[in-house]
ModelCIF file with pLDDT and N, C-alpha, C, O atoms, coordinates in Angstrom:
data_MODEL
#
_entry.id   MODEL 
#
_entity.id                         1 
_entity.type                       polymer 
_entity.pdbx_number_of_molecules   1 
#
_entity_poly.entity_id                      1 
_entity_poly.type                           'polypeptide(L)' 
_entity_poly.nstd_linkage                   no 
_entity_poly.nstd_monomer                   no 
_entity_poly.pdbx_seq_one_letter_code       AEFGTTTGRKRRCGWLDMVVMRYSHVINDYSSINLTKLDVLDKLP 
_entity_poly.pdbx_seq_one_letter_code_can   AEFGTTTGRKRRCGWLDMVVMRYSHVINDYSSINLTKLDVLDKLP 
_entity_poly.pdbx_strand_id                 A 
#
loop_
_entity_poly_seq.entity_id 
_entity_poly_seq.num 
_entity_poly_seq.mon_id 
_entity_poly_seq.hetero 
1 1  ALA n 
1 2  GLU n 
1 3  PHE n 
1 4  GLY n 
1 5  THR n 
1 6  THR n 
1 7  THR n 
1 8  GLY n 
1 9  ARG n 
1 10 LYS n 
1 11 ARG n 
1 12 ARG n 
1 13 CYS n 
1 14 GLY n 
1 15 TRP n 
1 16 LEU n 
1 17 ASP n 
1 18 MET n 
1 19 VAL n 
1 20 VAL n 
1 21 MET n 
1 22 ARG n 
1 23 TYR n 
1 24 SER n 
1 25 HIS n 
1 26 VAL n 
1 27 ILE n 
1 28 ASN n 
1 29 ASP n 
1 30 TYR n 
1 31 SER n 
1 32 SER n 
1 33 ILE n 
1 34 ASN n 
1 35 LEU n 
1 36 THR n 
1 37 LYS n 
1 38 LEU n 
1 39 ASP n 
1 40 VAL n 
1 41 LEU n 
1 42 ASP n 
1 43 LYS n 
1 44 LEU n 
1 45 PRO n 
#
_struct_asym.id          A 
_struct_asym.entity_id   1 
#
loop_
_ma_qa_metric.id 
_ma_qa_metric.mode 
_ma_qa_metric.name 
_ma_qa_metric.software_group_id 
_ma_qa_metric.type 
1 global pLDDT . pLDDT 
2 local  pLDDT . pLDDT 
#
_ma_qa_metric_global.metric_id      1 
_ma_qa_metric_global.metric_value   93.07 
_ma_qa_metric_global.model_id       1 
_ma_qa_metric_global.ordinal_id     1 
#
loop_
_ma_qa_metric_local.label_asym_id 
_ma_qa_metric_local.label_comp_id 
_ma_qa_metric_local.label_seq_id 
_ma_qa_metric_local.metric_id 
_ma_qa_metric_local.metric_value 
_ma_qa_metric_local.model_id 
_ma_qa_metric_local.ordinal_id 
A ALA 1  2 92.00 1 1  
A GLU 2  2 93.00 1 2  
A PHE 3  2 84.00 1 3  
A GLY 4  2 71.00 1 4  
A THR 5  2 63.00 1 5  
A THR 6  2 62.00 1 6  
A THR 7  2 66.00 1 7  
A GLY 8  2 73.00 1 8  
A ARG 9  2 78.00 1 9  
A LYS 10 2 87.00 1 10 
A ARG 11 2 93.00 1 11 
A ARG 12 2 95.00 1 12 
A CYS 13 2 97.00 1 13 
A GLY 14 2 98.00 1 14 
A TRP 15 2 98.00 1 15 
A LEU 16 2 98.00 1 16 
A ASP 17 2 98.00 1 17 
A MET 18 2 98.00 1 18 
A VAL 19 2 98.00 1 19 
A VAL 20 2 98.00 1 20 
A MET 21 2 98.00 1 21 
A ARG 22 2 98.00 1 22 
A TYR 23 2 98.00 1 23 
A SER 24 2 98.00 1 24 
A HIS 25 2 98.00 1 25 
A VAL 26 2 98.00 1 26 
A ILE 27 2 98.00 1 27 
A ASN 28 2 98.00 1 28 
A ASP 29 2 98.00 1 29 
A TYR 30 2 98.00 1 30 
A SER 31 2 97.00 1 31 
A SER 32 2 98.00 1 32 
A ILE 33 2 98.00 1 33 
A ASN 34 2 98.00 1 34 
A LEU 35 2 98.00 1 35 
A THR 36 2 98.00 1 36 
A LYS 37 2 98.00 1 37 
A LEU 38 2 98.00 1 38 
A ASP 39 2 98.00 1 39 
A VAL 40 2 98.00 1 40 
A LEU 41 2 98.00 1 41 
A ASP 42 2 98.00 1 42 
A LYS 43 2 97.00 1 43 
A LEU 44 2 98.00 1 44 
A PRO 45 2 98.00 1 45 
#
loop_
_atom_site.group_PDB 
_atom_site.id 
_atom_site.type_symbol 
_atom_site.label_atom_id 
_atom_site.label_alt_id 
_atom_site.label_comp_id 
_atom_site.label_asym_id 
_atom_site.label_entity_id 
_atom_site.label_seq_id 
_atom_site.pdbx_PDB_ins_code 
_atom_site.Cartn_x 
_atom_site.Cartn_y 
_atom_site.Cartn_z 
_atom_site.occupancy 
_atom_site.B_iso_or_equiv 
_atom_site.pdbx_formal_charge 
_atom_site.auth_seq_id 
_atom_site.auth_comp_id 
_atom_site.auth_asym_id 
_atom_site.auth_atom_id 
_atom_site.pdbx_PDB_model_num 
ATOM 1   N N  . ALA A 1 1  ? 0.851  -1.144  0.033  1.00 92.00 ? 1  ALA A N  1 
ATOM 2   C CA . ALA A 1 1  ? -0.033 -0.057  0.099  1.00 92.00 ? 1  ALA A CA 1 
ATOM 3   C C  . ALA A 1 1  ? 0.913  1.354   -0.428 1.00 92.00 ? 1  ALA A C  1 
ATOM 4   O O  . ALA A 1 1  ? 0.429  2.405   -0.010 1.00 92.00 ? 1  ALA A O  1 
ATOM 5   N N  . GLU A 1 2  ? 1.668  1.452   -0.935 1.00 93.00 ? 2  GLU A N  1 
ATOM 6   C CA . GLU A 1 2  ? 2.824  2.298   -0.724 1.00 93.00 ? 2  GLU A CA 1 
ATOM 7   C C  . GLU A 1 2  ? 2.107  3.625   -1.772 1.00 93.00 ? 2  GLU A C  1 
ATOM 8   O O  . GLU A 1 2  ? 2.206  3.846   -2.979 1.00 93.00 ? 2  GLU A O  1 
ATOM 9   N N  . PHE A 1 3  ? 1.442  4.265   -0.762 1.00 84.00 ? 3  PHE A N  1 
ATOM 10  C CA . PHE A 1 3  ? 1.106  5.521   -1.084 1.00 84.00 ? 3  PHE A CA 1 
ATOM 11  C C  . PHE A 1 3  ? 1.340  6.730   -0.192 1.00 84.00 ? 3  PHE A C  1 
ATOM 12  O O  . PHE A 1 3  ? 1.345  6.337   0.974  1.00 84.00 ? 3  PHE A O  1 
ATOM 13  N N  . GLY A 1 4  ? 1.519  7.925   -0.263 1.00 71.00 ? 4  GLY A N  1 
ATOM 14  C CA . GLY A 1 4  ? 2.247  8.899   0.562  1.00 71.00 ? 4  GLY A CA 1 
ATOM 15  C C  . GLY A 1 4  ? 0.890  9.167   1.880  1.00 71.00 ? 4  GLY A C  1 
ATOM 16  O O  . GLY A 1 4  ? -0.333 9.189   1.742  1.00 71.00 ? 4  GLY A O  1 
ATOM 17  N N  . THR A 1 5  ? 1.447  9.277   2.680  1.00 63.00 ? 5  THR A N  1 
ATOM 18  C CA . THR A 1 5  ? 0.409  9.732   3.965  1.00 63.00 ? 5  THR A CA 1 
ATOM 19  C C  . THR A 1 5  ? 0.121  11.283  3.117  1.00 63.00 ? 5  THR A C  1 
ATOM 20  O O  . THR A 1 5  ? -1.001 11.665  2.784  1.00 63.00 ? 5  THR A O  1 
ATOM 21  N N  . THR A 1 6  ? 1.024  11.814  2.944  1.00 62.00 ? 6  THR A N  1 
ATOM 22  C CA . THR A 1 6  ? 0.383  13.646  2.976  1.00 62.00 ? 6  THR A CA 1 
ATOM 23  C C  . THR A 1 6  ? 0.564  14.191  1.702  1.00 62.00 ? 6  THR A C  1 
ATOM 24  O O  . THR A 1 6  ? 0.397  15.404  1.576  1.00 62.00 ? 6  THR A O  1 
ATOM 25  N N  . THR A 1 7  ? 0.930  13.398  0.568  1.00 66.00 ? 7  THR A N  1 
ATOM 26  C CA . THR A 1 7  ? 0.711  13.632  -0.861 1.00 66.00 ? 7  THR A CA 1 
ATOM 27  C C  . THR A 1 7  ? -0.715 12.655  -1.653 1.00 66.00 ? 7  THR A C  1 
ATOM 28  O O  . THR A 1 7  ? -1.616 12.937  -2.442 1.00 66.00 ? 7  THR A O  1 
ATOM 29  N N  . GLY A 1 8  ? -0.299 11.481  -0.952 1.00 73.00 ? 8  GLY A N  1 
ATOM 30  C CA . GLY A 1 8  ? -1.092 10.335  -1.544 1.00 73.00 ? 8  GLY A CA 1 
ATOM 31  C C  . GLY A 1 8  ? -0.199 9.848   -2.575 1.00 73.00 ? 8  GLY A C  1 
ATOM 32  O O  . GLY A 1 8  ? -0.538 8.720   -2.931 1.00 73.00 ? 8  GLY A O  1 
ATOM 33  N N  . ARG A 1 9  ? 0.916  10.331  -3.241 1.00 78.00 ? 9  ARG A N  1 
ATOM 34  C CA . ARG A 1 9  ? 1.336  9.753   -4.718 1.00 78.00 ? 9  ARG A CA 1 
ATOM 35  C C  . ARG A 1 9  ? 1.738  8.191   -4.197 1.00 78.00 ? 9  ARG A C  1 
ATOM 36  O O  . ARG A 1 9  ? 1.937  7.659   -3.105 1.00 78.00 ? 9  ARG A O  1 
ATOM 37  N N  . LYS A 1 10 ? 1.741  7.802   -5.509 1.00 87.00 ? 10 LYS A N  1 
ATOM 38  C CA . LYS A 1 10 ? 2.292  6.406   -5.395 1.00 87.00 ? 10 LYS A CA 1 
ATOM 39  C C  . LYS A 1 10 ? 4.204  6.709   -5.420 1.00 87.00 ? 10 LYS A C  1 
ATOM 40  O O  . LYS A 1 10 ? 4.912  7.579   -5.927 1.00 87.00 ? 10 LYS A O  1 
ATOM 41  N N  . ARG A 1 11 ? 4.466  5.487   -4.595 1.00 93.00 ? 11 ARG A N  1 
ATOM 42  C CA . ARG A 1 11 ? 5.876  5.330   -4.386 1.00 93.00 ? 11 ARG A CA 1 
ATOM 43  C C  . ARG A 1 11 ? 6.657  4.715   -5.122 1.00 93.00 ? 11 ARG A C  1 
ATOM 44  O O  . ARG A 1 11 ? 6.227  3.672   -5.615 1.00 93.00 ? 11 ARG A O  1 
ATOM 45  N N  . ARG A 1 12 ? 7.791  5.062   -5.384 1.00 95.00 ? 12 ARG A N  1 
ATOM 46  C CA . ARG A 1 12 ? 8.599  4.084   -6.471 1.00 95.00 ? 12 ARG A CA 1 
ATOM 47  C C  . ARG A 1 12 ? 9.080  3.053   -5.376 1.00 95.00 ? 12 ARG A C  1 
ATOM 48  O O  . ARG A 1 12 ? 9.291  3.341   -4.198 1.00 95.00 ? 12 ARG A O  1 
ATOM 49  N N  . CYS A 1 13 ? 9.229  1.730   -5.986 1.00 97.00 ? 13 CYS A N  1 
ATOM 50  C CA . CYS A 1 13 ? 9.559  0.340   -4.692 1.00 97.00 ? 13 CYS A CA 1 
ATOM 51  C C  . CYS A 1 13 ? 11.016 -0.141  -5.842 1.00 97.00 ? 13 CYS A C  1 
ATOM 52  O O  . CYS A 1 13 ? 11.378 0.093   -6.995 1.00 97.00 ? 13 CYS A O  1 
ATOM 53  N N  . GLY A 1 14 ? 11.389 -0.775  -4.881 1.00 98.00 ? 14 GLY A N  1 
ATOM 54  C CA . GLY A 1 14 ? 12.806 -2.057  -5.157 1.00 98.00 ? 14 GLY A CA 1 
ATOM 55  C C  . GLY A 1 14 ? 13.493 -2.620  -4.306 1.00 98.00 ? 14 GLY A C  1 
ATOM 56  O O  . GLY A 1 14 ? 13.352 -2.086  -3.206 1.00 98.00 ? 14 GLY A O  1 
ATOM 57  N N  . TRP A 1 15 ? 14.095 -3.360  -4.311 1.00 98.00 ? 15 TRP A N  1 
ATOM 58  C CA . TRP A 1 15 ? 14.892 -3.917  -3.239 1.00 98.00 ? 15 TRP A CA 1 
ATOM 59  C C  . TRP A 1 15 ? 15.756 -3.219  -2.755 1.00 98.00 ? 15 TRP A C  1 
ATOM 60  O O  . TRP A 1 15 ? 16.326 -2.252  -3.262 1.00 98.00 ? 15 TRP A O  1 
ATOM 61  N N  . LEU A 1 16 ? 15.985 -4.010  -1.035 1.00 98.00 ? 16 LEU A N  1 
ATOM 62  C CA . LEU A 1 16 ? 16.719 -3.341  0.016  1.00 98.00 ? 16 LEU A CA 1 
ATOM 63  C C  . LEU A 1 16 ? 17.989 -3.331  -0.635 1.00 98.00 ? 16 LEU A C  1 
ATOM 64  O O  . LEU A 1 16 ? 18.596 -4.311  -1.066 1.00 98.00 ? 16 LEU A O  1 
ATOM 65  N N  . ASP A 1 17 ? 18.299 -2.257  -0.664 1.00 98.00 ? 17 ASP A N  1 
ATOM 66  C CA . ASP A 1 17 ? 20.063 -1.340  -1.113 1.00 98.00 ? 17 ASP A CA 1 
ATOM 67  C C  . ASP A 1 17 ? 20.683 -1.322  0.219  1.00 98.00 ? 17 ASP A C  1 
ATOM 68  O O  . ASP A 1 17 ? 20.846 -0.252  0.805  1.00 98.00 ? 17 ASP A O  1 
ATOM 69  N N  . MET A 1 18 ? 21.035 -2.438  0.725  1.00 98.00 ? 18 MET A N  1 
ATOM 70  C CA . MET A 1 18 ? 22.754 -2.012  1.512  1.00 98.00 ? 18 MET A CA 1 
ATOM 71  C C  . MET A 1 18 ? 23.719 -0.989  0.875  1.00 98.00 ? 18 MET A C  1 
ATOM 72  O O  . MET A 1 18 ? 24.406 -0.628  1.830  1.00 98.00 ? 18 MET A O  1 
ATOM 73  N N  . VAL A 1 19 ? 23.966 -0.601  0.235  1.00 98.00 ? 19 VAL A N  1 
ATOM 74  C CA . VAL A 1 19 ? 24.846 0.779   -0.455 1.00 98.00 ? 19 VAL A CA 1 
ATOM 75  C C  . VAL A 1 19 ? 24.471 1.342   0.612  1.00 98.00 ? 19 VAL A C  1 
ATOM 76  O O  . VAL A 1 19 ? 25.327 1.423   1.492  1.00 98.00 ? 19 VAL A O  1 
ATOM 77  N N  . VAL A 1 20 ? 23.103 1.908   0.895  1.00 98.00 ? 20 VAL A N  1 
ATOM 78  C CA . VAL A 1 20 ? 22.323 3.004   1.078  1.00 98.00 ? 20 VAL A CA 1 
ATOM 79  C C  . VAL A 1 20 ? 22.312 2.741   2.672  1.00 98.00 ? 20 VAL A C  1 
ATOM 80  O O  . VAL A 1 20 ? 22.492 3.708   3.412  1.00 98.00 ? 20 VAL A O  1 
ATOM 81  N N  . MET A 1 21 ? 22.124 1.570   3.170  1.00 98.00 ? 21 MET A N  1 
ATOM 82  C CA . MET A 1 21 ? 22.143 1.145   4.145  1.00 98.00 ? 21 MET A CA 1 
ATOM 83  C C  . MET A 1 21 ? 23.468 1.276   5.437  1.00 98.00 ? 21 MET A C  1 
ATOM 84  O O  . MET A 1 21 ? 23.459 1.525   6.643  1.00 98.00 ? 21 MET A O  1 
ATOM 85  N N  . ARG A 1 22 ? 24.381 1.001   4.563  1.00 98.00 ? 22 ARG A N  1 
ATOM 86  C CA . ARG A 1 22 ? 25.799 1.137   4.983  1.00 98.00 ? 22 ARG A CA 1 
ATOM 87  C C  . ARG A 1 22 ? 26.310 2.559   5.469  1.00 98.00 ? 22 ARG A C  1 
ATOM 88  O O  . ARG A 1 22 ? 26.714 3.013   6.539  1.00 98.00 ? 22 ARG A O  1 
ATOM 89  N N  . TYR A 1 23 ? 26.037 3.223   3.743  1.00 98.00 ? 23 TYR A N  1 
ATOM 90  C CA . TYR A 1 23 ? 26.131 4.877   4.109  1.00 98.00 ? 23 TYR A CA 1 
ATOM 91  C C  . TYR A 1 23 ? 25.302 5.595   5.414  1.00 98.00 ? 23 TYR A C  1 
ATOM 92  O O  . TYR A 1 23 ? 25.655 6.410   6.266  1.00 98.00 ? 23 TYR A O  1 
ATOM 93  N N  . SER A 1 24 ? 24.284 5.028   5.198  1.00 98.00 ? 24 SER A N  1 
ATOM 94  C CA . SER A 1 24 ? 23.342 5.558   6.222  1.00 98.00 ? 24 SER A CA 1 
ATOM 95  C C  . SER A 1 24 ? 23.790 5.545   7.630  1.00 98.00 ? 24 SER A C  1 
ATOM 96  O O  . SER A 1 24 ? 23.714 6.573   8.303  1.00 98.00 ? 24 SER A O  1 
ATOM 97  N N  . HIS A 1 25 ? 24.256 4.429   8.120  1.00 98.00 ? 25 HIS A N  1 
ATOM 98  C CA . HIS A 1 25 ? 24.634 3.780   9.448  1.00 98.00 ? 25 HIS A CA 1 
ATOM 99  C C  . HIS A 1 25 ? 26.322 4.824   9.581  1.00 98.00 ? 25 HIS A C  1 
ATOM 100 O O  . HIS A 1 25 ? 26.432 5.579   10.547 1.00 98.00 ? 25 HIS A O  1 
ATOM 101 N N  . VAL A 1 26 ? 27.260 4.750   8.741  1.00 98.00 ? 26 VAL A N  1 
ATOM 102 C CA . VAL A 1 26 ? 28.172 5.851   8.972  1.00 98.00 ? 26 VAL A CA 1 
ATOM 103 C C  . VAL A 1 26 ? 27.853 7.178   9.254  1.00 98.00 ? 26 VAL A C  1 
ATOM 104 O O  . VAL A 1 26 ? 28.635 7.883   9.892  1.00 98.00 ? 26 VAL A O  1 
ATOM 105 N N  . ILE A 1 27 ? 26.681 7.629   8.802  1.00 98.00 ? 27 ILE A N  1 
ATOM 106 C CA . ILE A 1 27 ? 26.501 8.862   9.182  1.00 98.00 ? 27 ILE A CA 1 
ATOM 107 C C  . ILE A 1 27 ? 25.680 9.068   10.803 1.00 98.00 ? 27 ILE A C  1 
ATOM 108 O O  . ILE A 1 27 ? 26.083 9.810   11.699 1.00 98.00 ? 27 ILE A O  1 
ATOM 109 N N  . ASN A 1 28 ? 24.501 8.225   10.846 1.00 98.00 ? 28 ASN A N  1 
ATOM 110 C CA . ASN A 1 28 ? 23.700 8.036   12.404 1.00 98.00 ? 28 ASN A CA 1 
ATOM 111 C C  . ASN A 1 28 ? 24.179 7.400   13.382 1.00 98.00 ? 28 ASN A C  1 
ATOM 112 O O  . ASN A 1 28 ? 24.035 7.750   14.554 1.00 98.00 ? 28 ASN A O  1 
ATOM 113 N N  . ASP A 1 29 ? 25.058 5.983   12.843 1.00 98.00 ? 29 ASP A N  1 
ATOM 114 C CA . ASP A 1 29 ? 25.746 4.899   13.787 1.00 98.00 ? 29 ASP A CA 1 
ATOM 115 C C  . ASP A 1 29 ? 24.684 4.653   14.487 1.00 98.00 ? 29 ASP A C  1 
ATOM 116 O O  . ASP A 1 29 ? 24.268 5.270   15.467 1.00 98.00 ? 29 ASP A O  1 
ATOM 117 N N  . TYR A 1 30 ? 24.131 3.494   13.831 1.00 98.00 ? 30 TYR A N  1 
ATOM 118 C CA . TYR A 1 30 ? 22.271 2.978   14.637 1.00 98.00 ? 30 TYR A CA 1 
ATOM 119 C C  . TYR A 1 30 ? 22.867 2.245   15.865 1.00 98.00 ? 30 TYR A C  1 
ATOM 120 O O  . TYR A 1 30 ? 23.905 1.628   15.624 1.00 98.00 ? 30 TYR A O  1 
ATOM 121 N N  . SER A 1 31 ? 22.532 2.210   16.785 1.00 97.00 ? 31 SER A N  1 
ATOM 122 C CA . SER A 1 31 ? 22.073 1.381   18.022 1.00 97.00 ? 31 SER A CA 1 
ATOM 123 C C  . SER A 1 31 ? 21.698 0.125   17.682 1.00 97.00 ? 31 SER A C  1 
ATOM 124 O O  . SER A 1 31 ? 22.299 -0.865  18.101 1.00 97.00 ? 31 SER A O  1 
ATOM 125 N N  . SER A 1 32 ? 20.579 0.063   16.821 1.00 98.00 ? 32 SER A N  1 
ATOM 126 C CA . SER A 1 32 ? 19.947 -0.931  16.665 1.00 98.00 ? 32 SER A CA 1 
ATOM 127 C C  . SER A 1 32 ? 19.050 -0.859  15.472 1.00 98.00 ? 32 SER A C  1 
ATOM 128 O O  . SER A 1 32 ? 19.093 0.325   15.139 1.00 98.00 ? 32 SER A O  1 
ATOM 129 N N  . ILE A 1 33 ? 18.237 -1.518  14.629 1.00 98.00 ? 33 ILE A N  1 
ATOM 130 C CA . ILE A 1 33 ? 17.235 -1.736  13.616 1.00 98.00 ? 33 ILE A CA 1 
ATOM 131 C C  . ILE A 1 33 ? 16.152 -2.006  14.189 1.00 98.00 ? 33 ILE A C  1 
ATOM 132 O O  . ILE A 1 33 ? 16.084 -2.605  15.262 1.00 98.00 ? 33 ILE A O  1 
ATOM 133 N N  . ASN A 1 34 ? 14.867 -1.456  13.317 1.00 98.00 ? 34 ASN A N  1 
ATOM 134 C CA . ASN A 1 34 ? 13.692 -1.417  13.141 1.00 98.00 ? 34 ASN A CA 1 
ATOM 135 C C  . ASN A 1 34 ? 13.439 -2.090  11.524 1.00 98.00 ? 34 ASN A C  1 
ATOM 136 O O  . ASN A 1 34 ? 13.612 -1.476  10.471 1.00 98.00 ? 34 ASN A O  1 
ATOM 137 N N  . LEU A 1 35 ? 13.034 -3.360  11.657 1.00 98.00 ? 35 LEU A N  1 
ATOM 138 C CA . LEU A 1 35 ? 12.888 -3.789  10.232 1.00 98.00 ? 35 LEU A CA 1 
ATOM 139 C C  . LEU A 1 35 ? 11.682 -3.857  9.788  1.00 98.00 ? 35 LEU A C  1 
ATOM 140 O O  . LEU A 1 35 ? 11.123 -4.855  10.243 1.00 98.00 ? 35 LEU A O  1 
ATOM 141 N N  . THR A 1 36 ? 10.740 -2.977  8.802  1.00 98.00 ? 36 THR A N  1 
ATOM 142 C CA . THR A 1 36 ? 9.356  -3.060  8.602  1.00 98.00 ? 36 THR A CA 1 
ATOM 143 C C  . THR A 1 36 ? 8.784  -3.256  7.556  1.00 98.00 ? 36 THR A C  1 
ATOM 144 O O  . THR A 1 36 ? 9.191  -2.955  6.434  1.00 98.00 ? 36 THR A O  1 
ATOM 145 N N  . LYS A 1 37 ? 7.678  -3.838  7.873  1.00 98.00 ? 37 LYS A N  1 
ATOM 146 C CA . LYS A 1 37 ? 6.808  -4.475  6.228  1.00 98.00 ? 37 LYS A CA 1 
ATOM 147 C C  . LYS A 1 37 ? 7.483  -5.684  6.060  1.00 98.00 ? 37 LYS A C  1 
ATOM 148 O O  . LYS A 1 37 ? 7.404  -6.205  4.948  1.00 98.00 ? 37 LYS A O  1 
ATOM 149 N N  . LEU A 1 38 ? 7.934  -6.071  6.667  1.00 98.00 ? 38 LEU A N  1 
ATOM 150 C CA . LEU A 1 38 ? 8.549  -7.417  6.453  1.00 98.00 ? 38 LEU A CA 1 
ATOM 151 C C  . LEU A 1 38 ? 7.483  -8.693  5.787  1.00 98.00 ? 38 LEU A C  1 
ATOM 152 O O  . LEU A 1 38 ? 7.895  -9.576  5.036  1.00 98.00 ? 38 LEU A O  1 
ATOM 153 N N  . ASP A 1 39 ? 6.372  -8.585  6.146  1.00 98.00 ? 39 ASP A N  1 
ATOM 154 C CA . ASP A 1 39 ? 5.355  -9.616  5.705  1.00 98.00 ? 39 ASP A CA 1 
ATOM 155 C C  . ASP A 1 39 ? 5.008  -9.126  4.229  1.00 98.00 ? 39 ASP A C  1 
ATOM 156 O O  . ASP A 1 39 ? 4.263  -9.774  3.495  1.00 98.00 ? 39 ASP A O  1 
ATOM 157 N N  . VAL A 1 40 ? 5.575  -7.996  3.878  1.00 98.00 ? 40 VAL A N  1 
ATOM 158 C CA . VAL A 1 40 ? 5.020  -7.346  2.289  1.00 98.00 ? 40 VAL A CA 1 
ATOM 159 C C  . VAL A 1 40 ? 5.689  -8.777  1.281  1.00 98.00 ? 40 VAL A C  1 
ATOM 160 O O  . VAL A 1 40 ? 5.249  -9.169  0.200  1.00 98.00 ? 40 VAL A O  1 
ATOM 161 N N  . LEU A 1 41 ? 6.920  -9.361  2.106  1.00 98.00 ? 41 LEU A N  1 
ATOM 162 C CA . LEU A 1 41 ? 8.001  -10.020 1.354  1.00 98.00 ? 41 LEU A CA 1 
ATOM 163 C C  . LEU A 1 41 ? 7.411  -11.550 1.300  1.00 98.00 ? 41 LEU A C  1 
ATOM 164 O O  . LEU A 1 41 ? 7.924  -12.529 0.759  1.00 98.00 ? 41 LEU A O  1 
ATOM 165 N N  . ASP A 1 42 ? 6.100  -11.451 2.069  1.00 98.00 ? 42 ASP A N  1 
ATOM 166 C CA . ASP A 1 42 ? 5.311  -12.987 2.449  1.00 98.00 ? 42 ASP A CA 1 
ATOM 167 C C  . ASP A 1 42 ? 5.288  -13.702 1.204  1.00 98.00 ? 42 ASP A C  1 
ATOM 168 O O  . ASP A 1 42 ? 5.915  -14.761 1.220  1.00 98.00 ? 42 ASP A O  1 
ATOM 169 N N  . LYS A 1 43 ? 4.714  -13.384 0.117  1.00 97.00 ? 43 LYS A N  1 
ATOM 170 C CA . LYS A 1 43 ? 4.507  -14.638 -1.154 1.00 97.00 ? 43 LYS A CA 1 
ATOM 171 C C  . LYS A 1 43 ? 5.763  -14.742 -2.239 1.00 97.00 ? 43 LYS A C  1 
ATOM 172 O O  . LYS A 1 43 ? 5.557  -15.470 -3.210 1.00 97.00 ? 43 LYS A O  1 
ATOM 173 N N  . LEU A 1 44 ? 7.054  -14.067 -2.148 1.00 98.00 ? 44 LEU A N  1 
ATOM 174 C CA . LEU A 1 44 ? 7.978  -14.249 -3.216 1.00 98.00 ? 44 LEU A CA 1 
ATOM 175 C C  . LEU A 1 44 ? 8.544  -15.357 -2.678 1.00 98.00 ? 44 LEU A C  1 
ATOM 176 O O  . LEU A 1 44 ? 8.698  -15.798 -1.539 1.00 98.00 ? 44 LEU A O  1 
ATOM 177 N N  . PRO A 1 45 ? 8.934  -15.846 -4.268 1.00 98.00 ? 45 PRO A N  1 
ATOM 178 C CA . PRO A 1 45 ? 9.713  -17.473 -4.202 1.00 98.00 ? 45 PRO A CA 1 
ATOM 179 C C  . PRO A 1 45 ? 10.920 -16.682 -3.929 1.00 98.00 ? 45 PRO A C  1 
ATOM 180 O O  . PRO A 1 45 ? 12.000 -17.245 -3.750 1.00 98.00 ? 45 PRO A O  1 
#
């Protein structure tokens, strides 16, 4: 259900990007992660 809360715009979608995530962690130094919407992947082989 990838539509924006504020604008209602359809969101562009793709696979998890760990290059983005490593860069993100370098800057913010996460203590831990909340991985959300794992259930959206339920039916994928």
